[in-house]
Amino acid sequence: MIHGSLTANPPWWGMAIRSRKRSSLSRFIAPVATLIILGYFGFHAFNGQYGIRANIAMQKRIDRLEQRLADRTAFRNKLESRVALLREGTLEKDMVDEHVRKQLNMMREDEVVLFR
């Protein structure tokens, strides 16, 4: 054998290489761990404090509160328009008359009362 020749085999070529055989349990550790982690995050994405269910419940509450706000705003606007009629300089005779009759619980003999 001549050193440096192309036909010569290197000295480490004939060495045996040992590899450990993987057990069947170790093949399943990474996939099972991945499934557990994904299951945990998936569960909390649906059921958590800020999950899909909580978002639906919050949206329903927002809709109820917006409706309540709209009702109260309409009532407030109605009251503001009535108060504006009672202010100085803009007194309406009919408005004052109606208010006084309600407060005193009185009416004339020729009037008819309609209850609401």
PDB file of N, CA and C in Angstrom:
ATOM      1  N   MET A   1       0.809  -1.166   0.000  1.00  0.00           N
ATOM      2  CA  MET A   1       0.000   0.000   0.000  1.00  0.00           C
ATOM      3  C   MET A   1       0.865   1.246   0.000  1.00  0.00           C
ATOM      4  N   ILE A   2       0.508   2.146  -0.854  1.00  0.00           N
ATOM      5  CA  ILE A   2       1.295   3.360  -0.998  1.00  0.00           C
ATOM      6  C   ILE A   2       0.479   4.500  -0.418  1.00  0.00           C
ATOM      7  N   HIS A   3       1.160   5.262   0.389  1.00  0.00           N
ATOM      8  CA  HIS A   3       0.468   6.421   0.961  1.00  0.00           C
ATOM      9  C   HIS A   3       0.228   7.452  -0.114  1.00  0.00           C
ATOM     10  N   GLY A   4      -0.948   8.025  -0.108  1.00  0.00           N
ATOM     11  CA  GLY A   4      -1.277   9.058  -1.070  1.00  0.00           C
ATOM     12  C   GLY A   4      -1.842   8.517  -2.354  1.00  0.00           C
ATOM     13  N   SER A   5      -1.945   7.213  -2.494  1.00  0.00           N
ATOM     14  CA  SER A   5      -2.512   6.690  -3.734  1.00  0.00           C
ATOM     15  C   SER A   5      -4.022   6.756  -3.660  1.00  0.00           C
ATOM     16  N   LEU A   6      -4.647   6.811  -4.800  1.00  0.00           N
ATOM     17  CA  LEU A   6      -6.093   6.936  -4.863  1.00  0.00           C
ATOM     18  C   LEU A   6      -6.797   5.622  -4.573  1.00  0.00           C
ATOM     19  N   THR A   7      -6.120   4.543  -4.681  1.00  0.00           N
ATOM     20  CA  THR A   7      -6.758   3.245  -4.470  1.00  0.00           C
ATOM     21  C   THR A   7      -6.638   2.773  -3.035  1.00  0.00           C
ATOM     22  N   ALA A   8      -5.867   3.437  -2.255  1.00  0.00           N
ATOM     23  CA  ALA A   8      -5.660   2.986  -0.876  1.00  0.00           C
ATOM     24  C   ALA A   8      -6.869   3.386  -0.015  1.00  0.00           C
ATOM     25  N   ASN A   9      -7.246   2.496   0.893  1.00  0.00           N
ATOM     26  CA  ASN A   9      -8.346   2.783   1.815  1.00  0.00           C
ATOM     27  C   ASN A   9      -7.813   3.502   3.041  1.00  0.00           C
ATOM     28  N   PRO A  10      -8.568   4.487   3.536  1.00  0.00           N
ATOM     29  CA  PRO A  10      -8.119   5.179   4.744  1.00  0.00           C
ATOM     30  C   PRO A  10      -8.155   4.231   5.939  1.00  0.00           C
ATOM     31  N   PRO A  11      -7.356   4.509   6.959  1.00  0.00           N
ATOM     32  CA  PRO A  11      -7.260   3.583   8.083  1.00  0.00           C
ATOM     33  C   PRO A  11      -8.560   3.502   8.895  1.00  0.00           C
ATOM     34  N   TRP A  12      -9.381   4.470   8.902  1.00  0.00           N
ATOM     35  CA  TRP A  12     -10.603   4.449   9.731  1.00  0.00           C
ATOM     36  C   TRP A  12     -11.786   3.813   9.025  1.00  0.00           C
ATOM     37  N   TRP A  13     -11.590   3.366   7.794  1.00  0.00           N
ATOM     38  CA  TRP A  13     -12.683   2.822   6.989  1.00  0.00           C
ATOM     39  C   TRP A  13     -13.209   1.516   7.533  1.00  0.00           C
ATOM     40  N   GLY A  14     -12.452   0.741   8.085  1.00  0.00           N
ATOM     41  CA  GLY A  14     -12.857  -0.568   8.556  1.00  0.00           C
ATOM     42  C   GLY A  14     -13.421  -0.558   9.971  1.00  0.00           C
ATOM     43  N   MET A  15     -13.544   0.609  10.601  1.00  0.00           N
ATOM     44  CA  MET A  15     -14.017   0.680  11.986  1.00  0.00           C
ATOM     45  C   MET A  15     -15.536   0.502  12.045  1.00  0.00           C
ATOM     46  N   ALA A  16     -15.973  -0.167  13.049  1.00  0.00           N
ATOM     47  CA  ALA A  16     -17.407  -0.373  13.241  1.00  0.00           C
ATOM     48  C   ALA A  16     -17.995   0.823  13.991  1.00  0.00           C
ATOM     49  N   ILE A  17     -19.163   1.236  13.579  1.00  0.00           N
ATOM     50  CA  ILE A  17     -19.836   2.353  14.243  1.00  0.00           C
ATOM     51  C   ILE A  17     -21.046   1.785  14.971  1.00  0.00           C
ATOM     52  N   ARG A  18     -21.153   2.106  16.240  1.00  0.00           N
ATOM     53  CA  ARG A  18     -22.274   1.620  17.030  1.00  0.00           C
ATOM     54  C   ARG A  18     -23.305   2.734  17.181  1.00  0.00           C
ATOM     55  N   SER A  19     -24.550   2.402  17.017  1.00  0.00           N
ATOM     56  CA  SER A  19     -25.612   3.382  17.263  1.00  0.00           C
ATOM     57  C   SER A  19     -26.625   2.749  18.190  1.00  0.00           C
ATOM     58  N   ARG A  20     -27.113   3.557  19.078  1.00  0.00           N
ATOM     59  CA  ARG A  20     -28.107   3.028  20.023  1.00  0.00           C
ATOM     60  C   ARG A  20     -29.463   3.009  19.356  1.00  0.00           C
ATOM     61  N   LYS A  21     -30.168   1.985  19.592  1.00  0.00           N
ATOM     62  CA  LYS A  21     -31.498   1.848  19.032  1.00  0.00           C
ATOM     63  C   LYS A  21     -32.463   2.667  19.911  1.00  0.00           C
ATOM     64  N   ARG A  22     -33.279   3.465  19.285  1.00  0.00           N
ATOM     65  CA  ARG A  22     -34.230   4.284  20.039  1.00  0.00           C
ATOM     66  C   ARG A  22     -35.361   3.402  20.536  1.00  0.00           C
ATOM     67  N   SER A  23     -35.754   3.638  21.748  1.00  0.00           N
ATOM     68  CA  SER A  23     -36.869   2.859  22.277  1.00  0.00           C
ATOM     69  C   SER A  23     -38.175   3.400  21.687  1.00  0.00           C
ATOM     70  N   SER A  24     -39.211   2.597  21.686  1.00  0.00           N
ATOM     71  CA  SER A  24     -40.490   3.012  21.097  1.00  0.00           C
ATOM     72  C   SER A  24     -41.130   4.134  21.914  1.00  0.00           C
ATOM     73  N   LEU A  25     -40.826   4.188  23.203  1.00  0.00           N
ATOM     74  CA  LEU A  25     -41.389   5.242  24.042  1.00  0.00           C
ATOM     75  C   LEU A  25     -40.810   6.606  23.700  1.00  0.00           C
ATOM     76  N   SER A  26     -39.525   6.666  23.414  1.00  0.00           N
ATOM     77  CA  SER A  26     -38.899   7.962  23.148  1.00  0.00           C
ATOM     78  C   SER A  26     -39.370   8.558  21.818  1.00  0.00           C
ATOM     79  N   ARG A  27     -39.914   7.759  20.911  1.00  0.00           N
ATOM     80  CA  ARG A  27     -40.433   8.280  19.649  1.00  0.00           C
ATOM     81  C   ARG A  27     -41.725   9.071  19.846  1.00  0.00           C
ATOM     82  N   PHE A  28     -42.438   8.775  20.912  1.00  0.00           N
ATOM     83  CA  PHE A  28     -43.739   9.405  21.131  1.00  0.00           C
ATOM     84  C   PHE A  28     -43.699  10.585  22.097  1.00  0.00           C
ATOM     85  N   ILE A  29     -42.573  10.841  22.717  1.00  0.00           N
ATOM     86  CA  ILE A  29     -42.505  11.911  23.712  1.00  0.00           C
ATOM     87  C   ILE A  29     -42.748  13.282  23.078  1.00  0.00           C
ATOM     88  N   ALA A  30     -42.064  13.616  22.022  1.00  0.00           N
ATOM     89  CA  ALA A  30     -42.220  14.939  21.396  1.00  0.00           C
ATOM     90  C   ALA A  30     -43.619  15.149  20.821  1.00  0.00           C
ATOM     91  N   PRO A  31     -44.200  14.201  20.073  1.00  0.00           N
ATOM     92  CA  PRO A  31     -45.559  14.428  19.573  1.00  0.00           C
ATOM     93  C   PRO A  31     -46.602  14.549  20.681  1.00  0.00           C
ATOM     94  N   VAL A  32     -46.466  13.744  21.730  1.00  0.00           N
ATOM     95  CA  VAL A  32     -47.429  13.809  22.831  1.00  0.00           C
ATOM     96  C   VAL A  32     -47.294  15.145  23.570  1.00  0.00           C
ATOM     97  N   ALA A  33     -46.073  15.578  23.803  1.00  0.00           N
ATOM     98  CA  ALA A  33     -45.853  16.868  24.466  1.00  0.00           C
ATOM     99  C   ALA A  33     -46.429  18.003  23.616  1.00  0.00           C
ATOM    100  N   THR A  34     -46.264  17.925  22.314  1.00  0.00           N
ATOM    101  CA  THR A  34     -46.817  18.938  21.410  1.00  0.00           C
ATOM    102  C   THR A  34     -48.337  18.953  21.466  1.00  0.00           C
ATOM    103  N   LEU A  35     -48.956  17.783  21.464  1.00  0.00           N
ATOM    104  CA  LEU A  35     -50.416  17.699  21.548  1.00  0.00           C
ATOM    105  C   LEU A  35     -50.933  18.250  22.869  1.00  0.00           C
ATOM    106  N   ILE A  36     -50.235  17.977  23.947  1.00  0.00           N
ATOM    107  CA  ILE A  36     -50.648  18.497  25.250  1.00  0.00           C
ATOM    108  C   ILE A  36     -50.587  20.021  25.265  1.00  0.00           C
ATOM    109  N   ILE A  37     -49.501  20.573  24.751  1.00  0.00           N
ATOM    110  CA  ILE A  37     -49.354  22.043  24.719  1.00  0.00           C
ATOM    111  C   ILE A  37     -50.411  22.679  23.822  1.00  0.00           C
ATOM    112  N   LEU A  38     -50.628  22.112  22.645  1.00  0.00           N
ATOM    113  CA  LEU A  38     -51.652  22.646  21.745  1.00  0.00           C
ATOM    114  C   LEU A  38     -53.047  22.520  22.348  1.00  0.00           C
ATOM    115  N   GLY A  39     -53.317  21.419  23.022  1.00  0.00           N
ATOM    116  CA  GLY A  39     -54.607  21.239  23.684  1.00  0.00           C
ATOM    117  C   GLY A  39     -54.824  22.265  24.782  1.00  0.00           C
ATOM    118  N   TYR A  40     -53.789  22.536  25.560  1.00  0.00           N
ATOM    119  CA  TYR A  40     -53.883  23.537  26.623  1.00  0.00           C
ATOM    120  C   TYR A  40     -54.218  24.912  26.060  1.00  0.00           C
ATOM    121  N   PHE A  41     -53.460  25.344  25.062  1.00  0.00           N
ATOM    122  CA  PHE A  41     -53.704  26.669  24.489  1.00  0.00           C
ATOM    123  C   PHE A  41     -55.027  26.723  23.731  1.00  0.00           C
ATOM    124  N   GLY A  42     -55.398  25.628  23.079  1.00  0.00           N
ATOM    125  CA  GLY A  42     -56.689  25.588  22.378  1.00  0.00           C
ATOM    126  C   GLY A  42     -57.850  25.693  23.345  1.00  0.00           C
ATOM    127  N   PHE A  43     -57.774  24.991  24.457  1.00  0.00           N
ATOM    128  CA  PHE A  43     -58.828  25.052  25.476  1.00  0.00           C
ATOM    129  C   PHE A  43     -58.995  26.471  25.998  1.00  0.00           C
ATOM    130  N   HIS A  44     -57.882  27.117  26.327  1.00  0.00           N
ATOM    131  CA  HIS A  44     -57.962  28.474  26.881  1.00  0.00           C
ATOM    132  C   HIS A  44     -58.313  29.519  25.823  1.00  0.00           C
ATOM    133  N   ALA A  45     -58.027  29.248  24.571  1.00  0.00           N
ATOM    134  CA  ALA A  45     -58.441  30.176  23.509  1.00  0.00           C
ATOM    135  C   ALA A  45     -59.959  30.159  23.352  1.00  0.00           C
ATOM    136  N   PHE A  46     -60.582  29.044  23.674  1.00  0.00           N
ATOM    137  CA  PHE A  46     -62.037  28.942  23.561  1.00  0.00           C
ATOM    138  C   PHE A  46     -62.736  29.301  24.865  1.00  0.00           C
ATOM    139  N   ASN A  47     -62.236  28.826  25.992  1.00  0.00           N
ATOM    140  CA  ASN A  47     -62.918  28.966  27.276  1.00  0.00           C
ATOM    141  C   ASN A  47     -62.284  29.965  28.225  1.00  0.00           C
ATOM    142  N   GLY A  48     -61.177  30.556  27.885  1.00  0.00           N
ATOM    143  CA  GLY A  48     -60.464  31.427  28.807  1.00  0.00           C
ATOM    144  C   GLY A  48     -61.163  32.751  29.055  1.00  0.00           C
ATOM    145  N   GLN A  49     -60.549  33.569  29.893  1.00  0.00           N
ATOM    146  CA  GLN A  49     -61.112  34.859  30.272  1.00  0.00           C
ATOM    147  C   GLN A  49     -61.312  35.768  29.054  1.00  0.00           C
ATOM    148  N   TYR A  50     -60.440  35.693  28.088  1.00  0.00           N
ATOM    149  CA  TYR A  50     -60.559  36.495  26.871  1.00  0.00           C
ATOM    150  C   TYR A  50     -60.767  35.608  25.643  1.00  0.00           C
ATOM    151  N   GLY A  51     -61.332  34.424  25.842  1.00  0.00           N
ATOM    152  CA  GLY A  51     -61.540  33.461  24.768  1.00  0.00           C
ATOM    153  C   GLY A  51     -62.761  33.789  23.931  1.00  0.00           C
ATOM    154  N   ILE A  52     -63.106  32.858  23.067  1.00  0.00           N
ATOM    155  CA  ILE A  52     -64.207  33.049  22.129  1.00  0.00           C
ATOM    156  C   ILE A  52     -65.537  33.173  22.880  1.00  0.00           C
ATOM    157  N   ARG A  53     -65.769  32.296  23.861  1.00  0.00           N
ATOM    158  CA  ARG A  53     -67.017  32.377  24.636  1.00  0.00           C
ATOM    159  C   ARG A  53     -67.127  33.696  25.377  1.00  0.00           C
ATOM    160  N   ALA A  54     -66.059  34.122  26.011  1.00  0.00           N
ATOM    161  CA  ALA A  54     -66.076  35.378  26.760  1.00  0.00           C
ATOM    162  C   ALA A  54     -66.312  36.554  25.817  1.00  0.00           C
ATOM    163  N   ASN A  55     -65.763  36.486  24.619  1.00  0.00           N
ATOM    164  CA  ASN A  55     -65.956  37.554  23.644  1.00  0.00           C
ATOM    165  C   ASN A  55     -67.425  37.647  23.224  1.00  0.00           C
ATOM    166  N   ILE A  56     -68.074  36.501  23.037  1.00  0.00           N
ATOM    167  CA  ILE A  56     -69.494  36.493  22.668  1.00  0.00           C
ATOM    168  C   ILE A  56     -70.329  37.088  23.807  1.00  0.00           C
ATOM    169  N   ALA A  57     -70.034  36.691  25.051  1.00  0.00           N
ATOM    170  CA  ALA A  57     -70.771  37.220  26.202  1.00  0.00           C
ATOM    171  C   ALA A  57     -70.557  38.720  26.353  1.00  0.00           C
ATOM    172  N   MET A  58     -69.324  39.180  26.143  1.00  0.00           N
ATOM    173  CA  MET A  58     -69.054  40.624  26.235  1.00  0.00           C
ATOM    174  C   MET A  58     -69.793  41.388  25.147  1.00  0.00           C
ATOM    175  N   GLN A  59     -69.871  40.824  23.945  1.00  0.00           N
ATOM    176  CA  GLN A  59     -70.570  41.500  22.850  1.00  0.00           C
ATOM    177  C   GLN A  59     -72.060  41.622  23.155  1.00  0.00           C
ATOM    178  N   LYS A  60     -72.661  40.573  23.737  1.00  0.00           N
ATOM    179  CA  LYS A  60     -74.071  40.646  24.126  1.00  0.00           C
ATOM    180  C   LYS A  60     -74.284  41.725  25.189  1.00  0.00           C
ATOM    181  N   ARG A  61     -73.379  41.795  26.144  1.00  0.00           N
ATOM    182  CA  ARG A  61     -73.501  42.812  27.198  1.00  0.00           C
ATOM    183  C   ARG A  61     -73.333  44.213  26.610  1.00  0.00           C
ATOM    184  N   ILE A  62     -72.419  44.384  25.676  1.00  0.00           N
ATOM    185  CA  ILE A  62     -72.222  45.679  25.022  1.00  0.00           C
ATOM    186  C   ILE A  62     -73.498  46.091  24.301  1.00  0.00           C
ATOM    187  N   ASP A  63     -74.136  45.151  23.595  1.00  0.00           N
ATOM    188  CA  ASP A  63     -75.379  45.463  22.876  1.00  0.00           C
ATOM    189  C   ASP A  63     -76.473  45.895  23.845  1.00  0.00           C
ATOM    190  N   ARG A  64     -76.618  45.169  24.979  1.00  0.00           N
ATOM    191  CA  ARG A  64     -77.629  45.540  25.977  1.00  0.00           C
ATOM    192  C   ARG A  64     -77.369  46.929  26.542  1.00  0.00           C
ATOM    193  N   LEU A  65     -76.110  47.198  26.871  1.00  0.00           N
ATOM    194  CA  LEU A  65     -75.777  48.492  27.463  1.00  0.00           C
ATOM    195  C   LEU A  65     -75.930  49.635  26.457  1.00  0.00           C
ATOM    196  N   GLU A  66     -75.624  49.379  25.190  1.00  0.00           N
ATOM    197  CA  GLU A  66     -75.815  50.420  24.178  1.00  0.00           C
ATOM    198  C   GLU A  66     -77.295  50.731  23.988  1.00  0.00           C
ATOM    199  N   GLN A  67     -78.150  49.700  24.049  1.00  0.00           N
ATOM    200  CA  GLN A  67     -79.593  49.919  23.952  1.00  0.00           C
ATOM    201  C   GLN A  67     -80.094  50.715  25.159  1.00  0.00           C
ATOM    202  N   ARG A  68     -79.593  50.357  26.323  1.00  0.00           N
ATOM    203  CA  ARG A  68     -79.972  51.079  27.536  1.00  0.00           C
ATOM    204  C   ARG A  68     -79.534  52.543  27.460  1.00  0.00           C
ATOM    205  N   LEU A  69     -78.336  52.767  26.955  1.00  0.00           N
ATOM    206  CA  LEU A  69     -77.840  54.135  26.791  1.00  0.00           C
ATOM    207  C   LEU A  69     -78.707  54.911  25.812  1.00  0.00           C
ATOM    208  N   ALA A  70     -79.099  54.278  24.715  1.00  0.00           N
ATOM    209  CA  ALA A  70     -79.946  54.958  23.730  1.00  0.00           C
ATOM    210  C   ALA A  70     -81.297  55.328  24.338  1.00  0.00           C
ATOM    211  N   ASP A  71     -81.883  54.428  25.129  1.00  0.00           N
ATOM    212  CA  ASP A  71     -83.160  54.717  25.786  1.00  0.00           C
ATOM    213  C   ASP A  71     -83.032  55.886  26.758  1.00  0.00           C
ATOM    214  N   ARG A  72     -81.992  55.859  27.540  1.00  0.00           N
ATOM    215  CA  ARG A  72     -81.803  56.929  28.523  1.00  0.00           C
ATOM    216  C   ARG A  72     -81.454  58.254  27.863  1.00  0.00           C
ATOM    217  N   THR A  73     -80.721  58.210  26.768  1.00  0.00           N
ATOM    218  CA  THR A  73     -80.404  59.440  26.044  1.00  0.00           C
ATOM    219  C   THR A  73     -81.674  60.048  25.455  1.00  0.00           C
ATOM    220  N   ALA A  74     -82.552  59.212  24.915  1.00  0.00           N
ATOM    221  CA  ALA A  74     -83.815  59.716  24.369  1.00  0.00           C
ATOM    222  C   ALA A  74     -84.668  60.326  25.477  1.00  0.00           C
ATOM    223  N   PHE A  75     -84.727  59.669  26.641  1.00  0.00           N
ATOM    224  CA  PHE A  75     -85.490  60.197  27.759  1.00  0.00           C
ATOM    225  C   PHE A  75     -84.907  61.524  28.239  1.00  0.00           C
ATOM    226  N   ARG A  76     -83.588  61.601  28.288  1.00  0.00           N
ATOM    227  CA  ARG A  76     -82.927  62.839  28.721  1.00  0.00           C
ATOM    228  C   ARG A  76     -83.212  63.968  27.739  1.00  0.00           C
ATOM    229  N   ASN A  77     -83.157  63.682  26.451  1.00  0.00           N
ATOM    230  CA  ASN A  77     -83.449  64.713  25.448  1.00  0.00           C
ATOM    231  C   ASN A  77     -84.885  65.209  25.580  1.00  0.00           C
ATOM    232  N   LYS A  78     -85.811  64.294  25.867  1.00  0.00           N
ATOM    233  CA  LYS A  78     -87.207  64.680  26.065  1.00  0.00           C
ATOM    234  C   LYS A  78     -87.338  65.598  27.271  1.00  0.00           C
ATOM    235  N   LEU A  79     -86.658  65.243  28.361  1.00  0.00           N
ATOM    236  CA  LEU A  79     -86.707  66.091  29.555  1.00  0.00           C
ATOM    237  C   LEU A  79     -86.046  67.441  29.310  1.00  0.00           C
ATOM    238  N   GLU A  80     -84.943  67.455  28.591  1.00  0.00           N
ATOM    239  CA  GLU A  80     -84.266  68.723  28.293  1.00  0.00           C
ATOM    240  C   GLU A  80     -85.157  69.642  27.465  1.00  0.00           C
ATOM    241  N   SER A  81     -85.880  69.070  26.523  1.00  0.00           N
ATOM    242  CA  SER A  81     -86.761  69.913  25.710  1.00  0.00           C
ATOM    243  C   SER A  81     -87.903  70.470  26.560  1.00  0.00           C
ATOM    244  N   ARG A  82     -88.404  69.690  27.521  1.00  0.00           N
ATOM    245  CA  ARG A  82     -89.455  70.197  28.404  1.00  0.00           C
ATOM    246  C   ARG A  82     -88.915  71.254  29.344  1.00  0.00           C
ATOM    247  N   VAL A  83     -87.703  71.059  29.848  1.00  0.00           N
ATOM    248  CA  VAL A  83     -87.088  72.049  30.743  1.00  0.00           C
ATOM    249  C   VAL A  83     -86.808  73.342  29.978  1.00  0.00           C
ATOM    250  N   ALA A  84     -86.427  73.222  28.727  1.00  0.00           N
ATOM    251  CA  ALA A  84     -86.156  74.416  27.919  1.00  0.00           C
ATOM    252  C   ALA A  84     -87.416  75.267  27.776  1.00  0.00           C
ATOM    253  N   LEU A  85     -88.576  74.643  27.756  1.00  0.00           N
ATOM    254  CA  LEU A  85     -89.829  75.391  27.665  1.00  0.00           C
ATOM    255  C   LEU A  85     -90.155  76.123  28.965  1.00  0.00           C
ATOM    256  N   LEU A  86     -89.591  75.717  30.077  1.00  0.00           N
ATOM    257  CA  LEU A  86     -89.870  76.334  31.370  1.00  0.00           C
ATOM    258  C   LEU A  86     -88.857  77.404  31.761  1.00  0.00           C
ATOM    259  N   ARG A  87     -87.831  77.609  31.011  1.00  0.00           N
ATOM    260  CA  ARG A  87     -86.798  78.593  31.349  1.00  0.00           C
ATOM    261  C   ARG A  87     -87.320  80.014  31.178  1.00  0.00           C
ATOM    262  N   GLU A  88     -86.635  80.942  31.821  1.00  0.00           N
ATOM    263  CA  GLU A  88     -86.998  82.365  31.728  1.00  0.00           C
ATOM    264  C   GLU A  88     -86.945  82.836  30.278  1.00  0.00           C
ATOM    265  N   GLY A  89     -87.913  83.597  29.892  1.00  0.00           N
ATOM    266  CA  GLY A  89     -87.930  84.169  28.552  1.00  0.00           C
ATOM    267  C   GLY A  89     -88.568  83.264  27.524  1.00  0.00           C
ATOM    268  N   THR A  90     -88.679  81.987  27.826  1.00  0.00           N
ATOM    269  CA  THR A  90     -89.270  81.070  26.856  1.00  0.00           C
ATOM    270  C   THR A  90     -90.452  80.313  27.466  1.00  0.00           C
ATOM    271  N   LEU A  91     -91.077  80.886  28.478  1.00  0.00           N
ATOM    272  CA  LEU A  91     -92.191  80.211  29.131  1.00  0.00           C
ATOM    273  C   LEU A  91     -93.365  80.075  28.180  1.00  0.00           C
ATOM    274  N   GLU A  92     -93.833  78.877  28.072  1.00  0.00           N
ATOM    275  CA  GLU A  92     -95.012  78.596  27.273  1.00  0.00           C
ATOM    276  C   GLU A  92     -96.189  78.521  28.228  1.00  0.00           C
ATOM    277  N   LYS A  93     -97.236  79.227  27.908  1.00  0.00           N
ATOM    278  CA  LYS A  93     -98.393  79.270  28.797  1.00  0.00           C
ATOM    279  C   LYS A  93     -98.994  77.878  28.977  1.00  0.00           C
ATOM    280  N   ASP A  94     -99.087  77.119  27.927  1.00  0.00           N
ATOM    281  CA  ASP A  94     -99.665  75.783  28.023  1.00  0.00           C
ATOM    282  C   ASP A  94     -98.814  74.863  28.903  1.00  0.00           C
ATOM    283  N   MET A  95     -97.499  74.978  28.778  1.00  0.00           N
ATOM    284  CA  MET A  95     -96.596  74.129  29.556  1.00  0.00           C
ATOM    285  C   MET A  95     -96.703  74.458  31.032  1.00  0.00           C
ATOM    286  N   VAL A  96     -96.732  75.727  31.361  1.00  0.00           N
ATOM    287  CA  VAL A  96     -96.854  76.137  32.758  1.00  0.00           C
ATOM    288  C   VAL A  96     -98.202  75.691  33.303  1.00  0.00           C
ATOM    289  N   ASP A  97     -99.248  75.869  32.516  1.00  0.00           N
ATOM    290  CA  ASP A  97    -100.587  75.485  32.940  1.00  0.00           C
ATOM    291  C   ASP A  97    -100.660  73.979  33.210  1.00  0.00           C
ATOM    292  N   GLU A  98    -100.095  73.196  32.322  1.00  0.00           N
ATOM    293  CA  GLU A  98    -100.086  71.741  32.497  1.00  0.00           C
ATOM    294  C   GLU A  98     -99.318  71.343  33.745  1.00  0.00           C
ATOM    295  N   HIS A  99     -98.176  71.944  33.959  1.00  0.00           N
ATOM    296  CA  HIS A  99     -97.340  71.627  35.123  1.00  0.00           C
ATOM    297  C   HIS A  99     -98.056  71.981  36.426  1.00  0.00           C
ATOM    298  N   VAL A 100     -98.698  73.160  36.469  1.00  0.00           N
ATOM    299  CA  VAL A 100     -99.399  73.596  37.676  1.00  0.00           C
ATOM    300  C   VAL A 100    -100.573  72.680  37.962  1.00  0.00           C
ATOM    301  N   ARG A 101    -101.307  72.306  36.952  1.00  0.00           N
ATOM    302  CA  ARG A 101    -102.458  71.424  37.159  1.00  0.00           C
ATOM    303  C   ARG A 101    -102.019  70.055  37.691  1.00  0.00           C
ATOM    304  N   LYS A 102    -100.901  69.537  37.208  1.00  0.00           N
ATOM    305  CA  LYS A 102    -100.398  68.258  37.727  1.00  0.00           C
ATOM    306  C   LYS A 102     -99.973  68.382  39.178  1.00  0.00           C
ATOM    307  N   GLN A 103     -99.290  69.466  39.511  1.00  0.00           N
ATOM    308  CA  GLN A 103     -98.791  69.647  40.867  1.00  0.00           C
ATOM    309  C   GLN A 103     -99.919  69.892  41.868  1.00  0.00           C
ATOM    310  N   LEU A 104    -100.907  70.693  41.477  1.00  0.00           N
ATOM    311  CA  LEU A 104    -101.993  71.033  42.394  1.00  0.00           C
ATOM    312  C   LEU A 104    -103.153  70.046  42.326  1.00  0.00           C
ATOM    313  N   ASN A 105    -103.146  69.215  41.310  1.00  0.00           N
ATOM    314  CA  ASN A 105    -104.203  68.221  41.127  1.00  0.00           C
ATOM    315  C   ASN A 105    -105.571  68.896  41.048  1.00  0.00           C
ATOM    316  N   MET A 106    -105.654  69.940  40.255  1.00  0.00           N
ATOM    317  CA  MET A 106    -106.890  70.709  40.115  1.00  0.00           C
ATOM    318  C   MET A 106    -107.220  70.887  38.642  1.00  0.00           C
ATOM    319  N   MET A 107    -108.521  71.168  38.371  1.00  0.00           N
ATOM    320  CA  MET A 107    -108.962  71.466  37.024  1.00  0.00           C
ATOM    321  C   MET A 107    -110.232  72.305  37.085  1.00  0.00           C
ATOM    322  N   ARG A 108    -110.569  72.891  35.948  1.00  0.00           N
ATOM    323  CA  ARG A 108    -111.809  73.678  35.885  1.00  0.00           C
ATOM    324  C   ARG A 108    -112.995  72.753  35.650  1.00  0.00           C
ATOM    325  N   GLU A 109    -114.175  73.282  35.847  1.00  0.00           N
ATOM    326  CA  GLU A 109    -115.377  72.470  35.720  1.00  0.00           C
ATOM    327  C   GLU A 109    -115.656  72.063  34.279  1.00  0.00           C
ATOM    328  N   ASP A 110    -115.255  72.877  33.319  1.00  0.00           N
ATOM    329  CA  ASP A 110    -115.564  72.582  31.921  1.00  0.00           C
ATOM    330  C   ASP A 110    -114.476  71.748  31.217  1.00  0.00           C
ATOM    331  N   GLU A 111    -113.490  71.248  31.965  1.00  0.00           N
ATOM    332  CA  GLU A 111    -112.409  70.485  31.353  1.00  0.00           C
ATOM    333  C   GLU A 111    -112.630  68.986  31.505  1.00  0.00           C
ATOM    334  N   VAL A 112    -112.043  68.262  30.561  1.00  0.00           N
ATOM    335  CA  VAL A 112    -112.079  66.803  30.592  1.00  0.00           C
ATOM    336  C   VAL A 112    -110.637  66.312  30.778  1.00  0.00           C
ATOM    337  N   VAL A 113    -110.444  65.348  31.689  1.00  0.00           N
ATOM    338  CA  VAL A 113    -109.102  64.819  31.972  1.00  0.00           C
ATOM    339  C   VAL A 113    -108.957  63.458  31.293  1.00  0.00           C
ATOM    340  N   LEU A 114    -107.893  63.296  30.565  1.00  0.00           N
ATOM    341  CA  LEU A 114    -107.563  62.015  29.926  1.00  0.00           C
ATOM    342  C   LEU A 114    -106.324  61.451  30.614  1.00  0.00           C
ATOM    343  N   PHE A 115    -106.444  60.280  31.200  1.00  0.00           N
ATOM    344  CA  PHE A 115    -105.313  59.640  31.874  1.00  0.00           C
ATOM    345  C   PHE A 115    -104.508  58.805  30.899  1.00  0.00           C
ATOM    346  N   ARG A 116    -103.217  58.834  31.043  1.00  0.00           N
ATOM    347  CA  ARG A 116    -102.330  58.062  30.176  1.00  0.00           C
ATOM    348  C   ARG A 116    -101.938  56.782  30.836  1.00  0.00           C
TER     349      ARG A 116
END
